[in-house]
N, C-alpha and C. Protein backbone atom coordinates (compact mmCIF):
# COMPACT_ATOMS: atom_id res chain seq x y z
N MET A 1 -21.72 48.35 4.54
CA MET A 1 -21.53 46.95 4.28
C MET A 1 -20.04 46.63 4.11
N LYS A 2 -19.33 47.50 3.39
CA LYS A 2 -17.91 47.28 3.16
C LYS A 2 -17.14 47.29 4.47
N LYS A 3 -17.51 48.21 5.37
CA LYS A 3 -16.85 48.30 6.68
C LYS A 3 -17.08 47.03 7.49
N ALA A 4 -18.30 46.48 7.41
CA ALA A 4 -18.62 45.26 8.16
C ALA A 4 -17.80 44.08 7.65
N ILE A 5 -17.64 43.99 6.33
CA ILE A 5 -16.84 42.90 5.75
C ILE A 5 -15.38 43.05 6.15
N GLU A 6 -14.87 44.29 6.09
CA GLU A 6 -13.48 44.52 6.48
C GLU A 6 -13.26 44.18 7.95
N MET A 7 -14.22 44.56 8.80
CA MET A 7 -14.10 44.28 10.23
C MET A 7 -14.14 42.77 10.49
N ALA A 8 -15.04 42.07 9.80
CA ALA A 8 -15.15 40.62 9.98
C ALA A 8 -13.86 39.93 9.53
N ALA A 9 -13.29 40.40 8.41
CA ALA A 9 -12.05 39.82 7.92
C ALA A 9 -10.91 40.07 8.90
N LEU A 10 -10.84 41.28 9.45
CA LEU A 10 -9.79 41.62 10.41
C LEU A 10 -9.92 40.80 11.68
N LEU A 11 -11.14 40.68 12.20
CA LEU A 11 -11.35 39.91 13.43
C LEU A 11 -11.07 38.42 13.22
N SER A 12 -11.49 37.88 12.09
CA SER A 12 -11.23 36.46 11.85
C SER A 12 -9.74 36.21 11.66
N ALA A 13 -9.04 37.12 10.98
CA ALA A 13 -7.60 36.95 10.81
C ALA A 13 -6.89 37.03 12.16
N ALA A 14 -7.30 37.97 13.00
CA ALA A 14 -6.69 38.08 14.33
C ALA A 14 -6.97 36.84 15.16
N TRP A 15 -8.17 36.30 15.04
CA TRP A 15 -8.54 35.11 15.80
C TRP A 15 -7.73 33.90 15.36
N PHE A 16 -7.62 33.68 14.03
CA PHE A 16 -6.87 32.53 13.53
C PHE A 16 -5.38 32.67 13.80
N LEU A 17 -4.83 33.87 13.65
CA LEU A 17 -3.41 34.07 13.84
C LEU A 17 -3.00 34.09 15.31
N SER A 18 -3.98 34.26 16.21
CA SER A 18 -3.66 34.28 17.64
C SER A 18 -3.39 32.89 18.19
N GLY A 19 -3.66 31.86 17.41
CA GLY A 19 -3.40 30.50 17.85
C GLY A 19 -4.62 29.82 18.43
N CYS A 20 -5.76 30.46 18.40
CA CYS A 20 -6.98 29.84 18.91
C CYS A 20 -7.35 28.66 18.02
N GLN A 21 -7.92 27.65 18.62
CA GLN A 21 -8.32 26.49 17.84
C GLN A 21 -9.62 26.77 17.11
N MET A 22 -9.76 26.07 15.99
CA MET A 22 -10.98 26.17 15.22
C MET A 22 -12.11 25.51 16.01
N PRO A 23 -13.25 26.17 16.14
CA PRO A 23 -14.35 25.53 16.85
C PRO A 23 -14.70 24.19 16.19
N GLU A 24 -14.99 23.22 17.03
CA GLU A 24 -15.23 21.86 16.54
C GLU A 24 -16.38 21.79 15.55
N ALA A 25 -17.46 22.54 15.79
CA ALA A 25 -18.62 22.49 14.90
C ALA A 25 -18.26 23.01 13.51
N ILE A 26 -17.48 24.08 13.44
CA ILE A 26 -17.08 24.64 12.14
C ILE A 26 -16.15 23.66 11.43
N GLY A 27 -15.20 23.12 12.16
CA GLY A 27 -14.27 22.16 11.57
C GLY A 27 -14.98 20.92 11.04
N ASN A 28 -15.95 20.42 11.80
CA ASN A 28 -16.69 19.24 11.36
C ASN A 28 -17.59 19.54 10.17
N ALA A 29 -18.04 20.79 10.05
CA ALA A 29 -18.88 21.17 8.91
C ALA A 29 -18.06 21.33 7.63
N LEU A 30 -16.80 21.74 7.77
CA LEU A 30 -15.96 22.00 6.60
C LEU A 30 -15.15 20.79 6.15
N TYR A 31 -14.75 19.93 7.10
CA TYR A 31 -13.79 18.88 6.79
C TYR A 31 -14.34 17.49 7.10
N ASP A 32 -13.88 16.51 6.32
CA ASP A 32 -14.16 15.10 6.55
C ASP A 32 -12.86 14.42 6.96
N PRO A 33 -12.94 13.50 7.94
CA PRO A 33 -11.71 12.78 8.29
C PRO A 33 -11.37 11.72 7.25
N VAL A 34 -10.09 11.53 7.05
CA VAL A 34 -9.61 10.44 6.21
C VAL A 34 -9.32 9.31 7.19
N THR A 35 -10.12 8.26 7.11
CA THR A 35 -10.00 7.20 8.11
C THR A 35 -9.62 5.87 7.47
N SER A 36 -9.09 5.02 8.30
CA SER A 36 -8.85 3.64 7.89
C SER A 36 -9.43 2.74 8.98
N THR A 37 -10.03 1.63 8.57
CA THR A 37 -10.66 0.72 9.50
C THR A 37 -9.97 -0.63 9.44
N ASN A 38 -9.62 -1.14 10.59
CA ASN A 38 -8.99 -2.45 10.69
C ASN A 38 -9.83 -3.34 11.60
N ILE A 39 -10.08 -4.57 11.17
CA ILE A 39 -10.78 -5.56 11.99
C ILE A 39 -9.71 -6.45 12.62
N ILE A 40 -9.69 -6.48 13.94
CA ILE A 40 -8.67 -7.23 14.66
C ILE A 40 -9.35 -8.37 15.41
N THR A 41 -8.78 -9.56 15.29
CA THR A 41 -9.28 -10.72 16.02
C THR A 41 -8.33 -11.00 17.16
N SER A 42 -8.84 -11.01 18.38
CA SER A 42 -8.01 -11.26 19.55
C SER A 42 -7.76 -12.77 19.68
N PRO A 43 -6.80 -13.16 20.49
CA PRO A 43 -6.54 -14.60 20.68
C PRO A 43 -7.77 -15.35 21.21
N GLU A 44 -8.65 -14.65 21.91
CA GLU A 44 -9.87 -15.28 22.42
C GLU A 44 -10.92 -15.45 21.33
N GLY A 45 -10.70 -14.88 20.15
CA GLY A 45 -11.63 -15.00 19.04
C GLY A 45 -12.57 -13.81 18.86
N ALA A 46 -12.54 -12.87 19.78
CA ALA A 46 -13.40 -11.69 19.67
C ALA A 46 -12.84 -10.76 18.60
N GLN A 47 -13.74 -10.19 17.80
CA GLN A 47 -13.32 -9.26 16.76
C GLN A 47 -13.56 -7.83 17.23
N MET A 48 -12.61 -6.98 16.88
CA MET A 48 -12.68 -5.59 17.29
C MET A 48 -12.40 -4.72 16.06
N GLU A 49 -13.15 -3.66 15.91
CA GLU A 49 -12.96 -2.74 14.79
C GLU A 49 -12.22 -1.51 15.29
N VAL A 50 -11.09 -1.22 14.68
CA VAL A 50 -10.28 -0.07 15.06
C VAL A 50 -10.32 0.93 13.91
N VAL A 51 -10.81 2.13 14.19
CA VAL A 51 -10.89 3.19 13.18
C VAL A 51 -9.88 4.26 13.56
N SER A 52 -9.00 4.60 12.65
CA SER A 52 -8.02 5.65 12.93
C SER A 52 -8.15 6.77 11.91
N THR A 53 -7.92 7.99 12.38
CA THR A 53 -7.97 9.17 11.53
C THR A 53 -6.56 9.49 11.07
N ASN A 54 -6.37 9.53 9.76
CA ASN A 54 -5.05 9.79 9.19
C ASN A 54 -4.87 11.23 8.75
N GLY A 55 -5.94 11.97 8.60
CA GLY A 55 -5.86 13.35 8.13
C GLY A 55 -7.25 13.90 7.89
N TRP A 56 -7.31 15.06 7.29
CA TRP A 56 -8.59 15.73 7.03
C TRP A 56 -8.58 16.26 5.61
N THR A 57 -9.75 16.25 4.98
CA THR A 57 -9.93 16.82 3.65
C THR A 57 -11.17 17.71 3.65
N ILE A 58 -11.26 18.57 2.66
CA ILE A 58 -12.45 19.43 2.53
C ILE A 58 -13.62 18.55 2.12
N ARG A 59 -14.77 18.78 2.72
CA ARG A 59 -15.97 18.02 2.34
C ARG A 59 -16.29 18.30 0.88
N PRO A 60 -16.69 17.29 0.12
CA PRO A 60 -17.01 17.49 -1.29
C PRO A 60 -18.12 18.52 -1.51
N VAL A 61 -19.09 18.55 -0.62
CA VAL A 61 -20.20 19.51 -0.75
C VAL A 61 -19.68 20.95 -0.61
N VAL A 62 -18.75 21.17 0.30
CA VAL A 62 -18.19 22.51 0.50
C VAL A 62 -17.35 22.90 -0.71
N SER A 63 -16.52 21.98 -1.16
CA SER A 63 -15.66 22.25 -2.31
C SER A 63 -16.48 22.57 -3.56
N SER A 64 -17.48 21.75 -3.87
CA SER A 64 -18.27 21.99 -5.08
C SER A 64 -19.11 23.25 -4.95
N SER A 65 -19.58 23.56 -3.74
CA SER A 65 -20.36 24.80 -3.54
C SER A 65 -19.51 26.03 -3.82
N ILE A 66 -18.29 26.02 -3.35
CA ILE A 66 -17.40 27.17 -3.58
C ILE A 66 -17.06 27.27 -5.06
N GLN A 67 -16.81 26.15 -5.72
CA GLN A 67 -16.49 26.18 -7.15
C GLN A 67 -17.67 26.68 -7.97
N VAL A 68 -18.88 26.23 -7.64
CA VAL A 68 -20.07 26.68 -8.37
C VAL A 68 -20.29 28.17 -8.15
N ALA A 69 -20.13 28.62 -6.90
CA ALA A 69 -20.30 30.05 -6.62
C ALA A 69 -19.30 30.88 -7.41
N GLY A 70 -18.06 30.38 -7.53
CA GLY A 70 -17.05 31.09 -8.31
C GLY A 70 -17.37 31.12 -9.79
N ASP A 71 -17.99 30.05 -10.30
CA ASP A 71 -18.33 29.99 -11.72
C ASP A 71 -19.56 30.82 -12.05
N VAL A 72 -20.51 30.89 -11.12
CA VAL A 72 -21.79 31.55 -11.39
C VAL A 72 -21.73 33.06 -11.13
N ALA A 73 -20.89 33.48 -10.21
CA ALA A 73 -20.84 34.90 -9.85
C ALA A 73 -20.54 35.76 -11.08
N PRO A 74 -21.16 36.94 -11.17
CA PRO A 74 -21.03 37.77 -12.38
C PRO A 74 -19.75 38.62 -12.45
N PHE A 75 -18.75 38.30 -11.66
CA PHE A 75 -17.54 39.10 -11.66
C PHE A 75 -16.42 38.33 -12.36
N PRO A 76 -15.55 39.02 -13.07
CA PRO A 76 -14.48 38.32 -13.78
C PRO A 76 -13.45 37.69 -12.83
N TRP A 77 -13.33 38.18 -11.63
CA TRP A 77 -12.35 37.68 -10.68
C TRP A 77 -12.95 36.67 -9.70
N SER A 78 -14.21 36.29 -9.87
CA SER A 78 -14.86 35.40 -8.90
C SER A 78 -14.24 34.00 -8.90
N GLY A 79 -13.79 33.52 -10.05
CA GLY A 79 -13.12 32.21 -10.11
C GLY A 79 -11.83 32.21 -9.31
N ALA A 80 -11.09 33.31 -9.40
CA ALA A 80 -9.84 33.42 -8.64
C ALA A 80 -10.11 33.45 -7.14
N VAL A 81 -11.17 34.15 -6.74
CA VAL A 81 -11.53 34.21 -5.33
C VAL A 81 -11.95 32.83 -4.82
N ALA A 82 -12.71 32.09 -5.64
CA ALA A 82 -13.13 30.74 -5.26
C ALA A 82 -11.92 29.82 -5.12
N THR A 83 -10.97 29.93 -6.03
CA THR A 83 -9.76 29.12 -5.96
C THR A 83 -8.94 29.47 -4.72
N ALA A 84 -8.86 30.76 -4.41
CA ALA A 84 -8.13 31.19 -3.20
C ALA A 84 -8.84 30.67 -1.95
N ALA A 85 -10.17 30.71 -1.93
CA ALA A 85 -10.92 30.20 -0.77
C ALA A 85 -10.68 28.70 -0.59
N LEU A 86 -10.66 27.95 -1.70
CA LEU A 86 -10.38 26.52 -1.61
C LEU A 86 -8.95 26.26 -1.12
N GLY A 87 -8.04 27.10 -1.56
CA GLY A 87 -6.66 26.98 -1.09
C GLY A 87 -6.54 27.21 0.40
N LEU A 88 -7.25 28.21 0.90
CA LEU A 88 -7.24 28.48 2.34
C LEU A 88 -7.87 27.33 3.13
N LEU A 89 -8.96 26.79 2.61
CA LEU A 89 -9.60 25.66 3.28
C LEU A 89 -8.70 24.42 3.26
N THR A 90 -7.97 24.22 2.18
CA THR A 90 -7.03 23.09 2.10
C THR A 90 -5.92 23.28 3.13
N ALA A 91 -5.44 24.51 3.27
CA ALA A 91 -4.42 24.78 4.29
C ALA A 91 -4.99 24.52 5.68
N GLY A 92 -6.25 24.85 5.89
CA GLY A 92 -6.90 24.57 7.17
C GLY A 92 -6.99 23.08 7.44
N ALA A 93 -7.27 22.29 6.41
CA ALA A 93 -7.33 20.83 6.58
C ALA A 93 -5.96 20.28 6.95
N HIS A 94 -4.92 20.81 6.31
CA HIS A 94 -3.56 20.38 6.63
C HIS A 94 -3.21 20.75 8.07
N TRP A 95 -3.58 21.95 8.48
CA TRP A 95 -3.32 22.41 9.84
C TRP A 95 -4.03 21.51 10.85
N ARG A 96 -5.27 21.16 10.56
CA ARG A 96 -6.03 20.30 11.46
C ARG A 96 -5.39 18.90 11.54
N SER A 97 -4.91 18.39 10.43
CA SER A 97 -4.23 17.09 10.41
C SER A 97 -2.97 17.13 11.28
N ARG A 98 -2.23 18.21 11.18
CA ARG A 98 -1.02 18.35 12.00
C ARG A 98 -1.35 18.39 13.48
N LYS A 99 -2.45 19.06 13.84
CA LYS A 99 -2.86 19.12 15.24
C LYS A 99 -3.20 17.73 15.76
N TRP A 100 -3.87 16.91 14.93
CA TRP A 100 -4.20 15.55 15.34
C TRP A 100 -2.93 14.74 15.55
N LYS A 101 -1.96 14.89 14.66
CA LYS A 101 -0.70 14.15 14.79
C LYS A 101 0.06 14.60 16.04
N GLU A 102 0.05 15.91 16.31
CA GLU A 102 0.70 16.41 17.51
C GLU A 102 0.04 15.85 18.76
N ALA A 103 -1.28 15.73 18.74
CA ALA A 103 -2.00 15.17 19.89
C ALA A 103 -1.62 13.70 20.09
N ALA A 104 -1.48 12.96 19.00
CA ALA A 104 -1.07 11.56 19.11
C ALA A 104 0.33 11.45 19.68
N LYS A 105 1.24 12.29 19.20
CA LYS A 105 2.60 12.27 19.72
C LYS A 105 2.63 12.65 21.20
N SER A 106 1.82 13.62 21.57
CA SER A 106 1.75 14.03 22.97
C SER A 106 1.27 12.87 23.85
N GLY A 107 0.28 12.13 23.35
CA GLY A 107 -0.21 10.98 24.10
C GLY A 107 0.87 9.92 24.28
N ILE A 108 1.65 9.71 23.23
CA ILE A 108 2.73 8.72 23.32
C ILE A 108 3.81 9.19 24.29
N LEU A 109 4.16 10.47 24.23
CA LEU A 109 5.16 11.00 25.17
C LEU A 109 4.69 10.85 26.61
N THR A 110 3.42 11.13 26.85
CA THR A 110 2.88 10.99 28.20
C THR A 110 2.93 9.54 28.64
N ALA A 111 2.58 8.63 27.74
CA ALA A 111 2.65 7.20 28.07
C ALA A 111 4.08 6.79 28.38
N GLN A 112 5.05 7.33 27.65
CA GLN A 112 6.45 7.02 27.92
C GLN A 112 6.84 7.48 29.32
N LYS A 113 6.39 8.66 29.72
CA LYS A 113 6.72 9.17 31.06
C LYS A 113 6.08 8.30 32.14
N PHE A 114 4.82 7.90 31.90
CA PHE A 114 4.17 7.02 32.86
C PHE A 114 4.92 5.69 32.96
N LYS A 115 5.38 5.18 31.83
CA LYS A 115 6.10 3.91 31.80
C LYS A 115 7.38 4.01 32.63
N GLU A 116 8.10 5.14 32.47
CA GLU A 116 9.34 5.33 33.23
C GLU A 116 9.07 5.39 34.74
N GLU A 117 8.01 6.12 35.10
CA GLU A 117 7.68 6.22 36.52
C GLU A 117 7.21 4.88 37.09
N LEU A 118 6.45 4.12 36.31
CA LEU A 118 5.99 2.82 36.76
C LEU A 118 7.16 1.87 36.94
N ALA A 119 8.16 1.95 36.06
CA ALA A 119 9.33 1.10 36.18
C ALA A 119 10.09 1.39 37.47
N LYS A 120 10.07 2.63 37.91
CA LYS A 120 10.73 2.99 39.16
C LYS A 120 9.99 2.39 40.36
N LEU A 121 8.66 2.32 40.28
CA LEU A 121 7.86 1.83 41.40
C LEU A 121 7.85 0.31 41.49
N ASP A 122 7.55 -0.36 40.37
CA ASP A 122 7.43 -1.81 40.37
C ASP A 122 7.88 -2.35 39.01
N PRO A 123 9.14 -2.79 38.91
CA PRO A 123 9.67 -3.25 37.62
C PRO A 123 8.91 -4.45 37.03
N ASN A 124 8.43 -5.35 37.86
CA ASN A 124 7.70 -6.52 37.35
C ASN A 124 6.38 -6.10 36.71
N LYS A 125 5.66 -5.21 37.36
CA LYS A 125 4.39 -4.72 36.81
C LYS A 125 4.64 -3.94 35.52
N ALA A 126 5.70 -3.15 35.50
CA ALA A 126 6.03 -2.37 34.30
C ALA A 126 6.32 -3.29 33.13
N GLN A 127 7.05 -4.39 33.37
CA GLN A 127 7.37 -5.33 32.29
C GLN A 127 6.10 -6.02 31.78
N ALA A 128 5.18 -6.35 32.69
CA ALA A 128 3.92 -6.98 32.28
C ALA A 128 3.09 -6.03 31.42
N ILE A 129 3.03 -4.77 31.79
CA ILE A 129 2.28 -3.78 31.02
C ILE A 129 2.93 -3.57 29.65
N LYS A 130 4.25 -3.54 29.62
CA LYS A 130 4.98 -3.36 28.35
C LYS A 130 4.71 -4.54 27.42
N THR A 131 4.73 -5.74 27.94
CA THR A 131 4.46 -6.93 27.13
C THR A 131 3.03 -6.90 26.59
N GLU A 132 2.09 -6.51 27.43
CA GLU A 132 0.69 -6.42 27.01
C GLU A 132 0.51 -5.37 25.91
N ALA A 133 1.18 -4.22 26.06
CA ALA A 133 1.09 -3.16 25.05
C ALA A 133 1.66 -3.63 23.72
N LYS A 134 2.79 -4.34 23.75
CA LYS A 134 3.38 -4.84 22.51
C LYS A 134 2.46 -5.85 21.83
N THR A 135 1.81 -6.69 22.61
CA THR A 135 0.87 -7.66 22.05
C THR A 135 -0.30 -6.94 21.38
N GLN A 136 -0.82 -5.92 22.04
CA GLN A 136 -1.93 -5.15 21.47
C GLN A 136 -1.51 -4.45 20.18
N GLN A 137 -0.29 -3.93 20.16
CA GLN A 137 0.20 -3.27 18.96
C GLN A 137 0.37 -4.26 17.81
N LYS A 138 0.83 -5.46 18.12
CA LYS A 138 0.97 -6.48 17.06
C LYS A 138 -0.40 -6.88 16.53
N LEU A 139 -1.38 -7.03 17.41
CA LEU A 139 -2.72 -7.39 16.96
C LEU A 139 -3.35 -6.29 16.11
N ALA A 140 -3.07 -5.05 16.47
CA ALA A 140 -3.63 -3.91 15.74
C ALA A 140 -2.80 -3.55 14.52
N ASN A 141 -1.67 -4.24 14.35
CA ASN A 141 -0.76 -3.98 13.25
C ASN A 141 -0.28 -2.53 13.26
N THR A 142 -0.03 -2.02 14.47
CA THR A 142 0.45 -0.64 14.62
C THR A 142 1.84 -0.58 15.22
N GLU A 143 2.47 -1.74 15.39
CA GLU A 143 3.77 -1.78 16.06
C GLU A 143 4.82 -0.95 15.31
N ARG A 144 4.87 -1.09 13.98
CA ARG A 144 5.86 -0.32 13.20
C ARG A 144 5.57 1.18 13.25
N LEU A 145 4.27 1.53 13.21
CA LEU A 145 3.90 2.95 13.27
C LEU A 145 4.30 3.55 14.61
N VAL A 146 3.99 2.86 15.70
CA VAL A 146 4.33 3.36 17.03
C VAL A 146 5.85 3.45 17.16
N GLN A 147 6.56 2.46 16.66
CA GLN A 147 8.02 2.49 16.74
C GLN A 147 8.60 3.64 15.92
N ALA A 148 8.00 3.92 14.76
CA ALA A 148 8.46 5.05 13.94
C ALA A 148 8.25 6.37 14.67
N ILE A 149 7.11 6.49 15.34
CA ILE A 149 6.84 7.73 16.10
C ILE A 149 7.82 7.85 17.26
N LEU A 150 8.09 6.73 17.96
CA LEU A 150 9.04 6.76 19.07
C LEU A 150 10.44 7.11 18.59
N ASN A 151 10.83 6.55 17.44
CA ASN A 151 12.15 6.88 16.88
C ASN A 151 12.24 8.36 16.53
N GLU A 152 11.16 8.91 15.99
CA GLU A 152 11.15 10.34 15.64
C GLU A 152 11.23 11.20 16.89
N LEU A 153 10.57 10.78 17.95
CA LEU A 153 10.58 11.55 19.19
C LEU A 153 11.93 11.49 19.89
N ASN A 154 12.64 10.39 19.71
CA ASN A 154 13.94 10.21 20.38
C ASN A 154 15.11 10.82 19.62
N ARG A 155 14.86 11.41 18.46
CA ARG A 155 15.95 12.02 17.68
C ARG A 155 16.60 13.14 18.42
């Protein structure tokens, strides 16, 4: 049994440290997204709900289960192990949040490249698309956020 636990720990450490992504099902079982919802009314009067993910946290059920297991286990060091497990899961939530932010930045960089190429092909069409995007950002109240990300990328 001890050999099996050591082997599982070694394989999981090698898997996580190799840069492989966390399987979606495991991530969704362990973490809850921190979301914000905005209701946007377009000039035509239609309302649209925009939900954005700002980060990830450990699910309360997972957190309390680990804490209870640490409190109930008959070993004097079980509380420390439970605290360490929660710390690792919190680091995993932070890592997942960073991956989401990197994906958003990547999407913006790609859009910037498309914008540059479109401007080379048809400047009038590019200006119309840019104006439309700015209007959508103002309606979604994301103009400052997008500008902050663009400023960070242009550093």
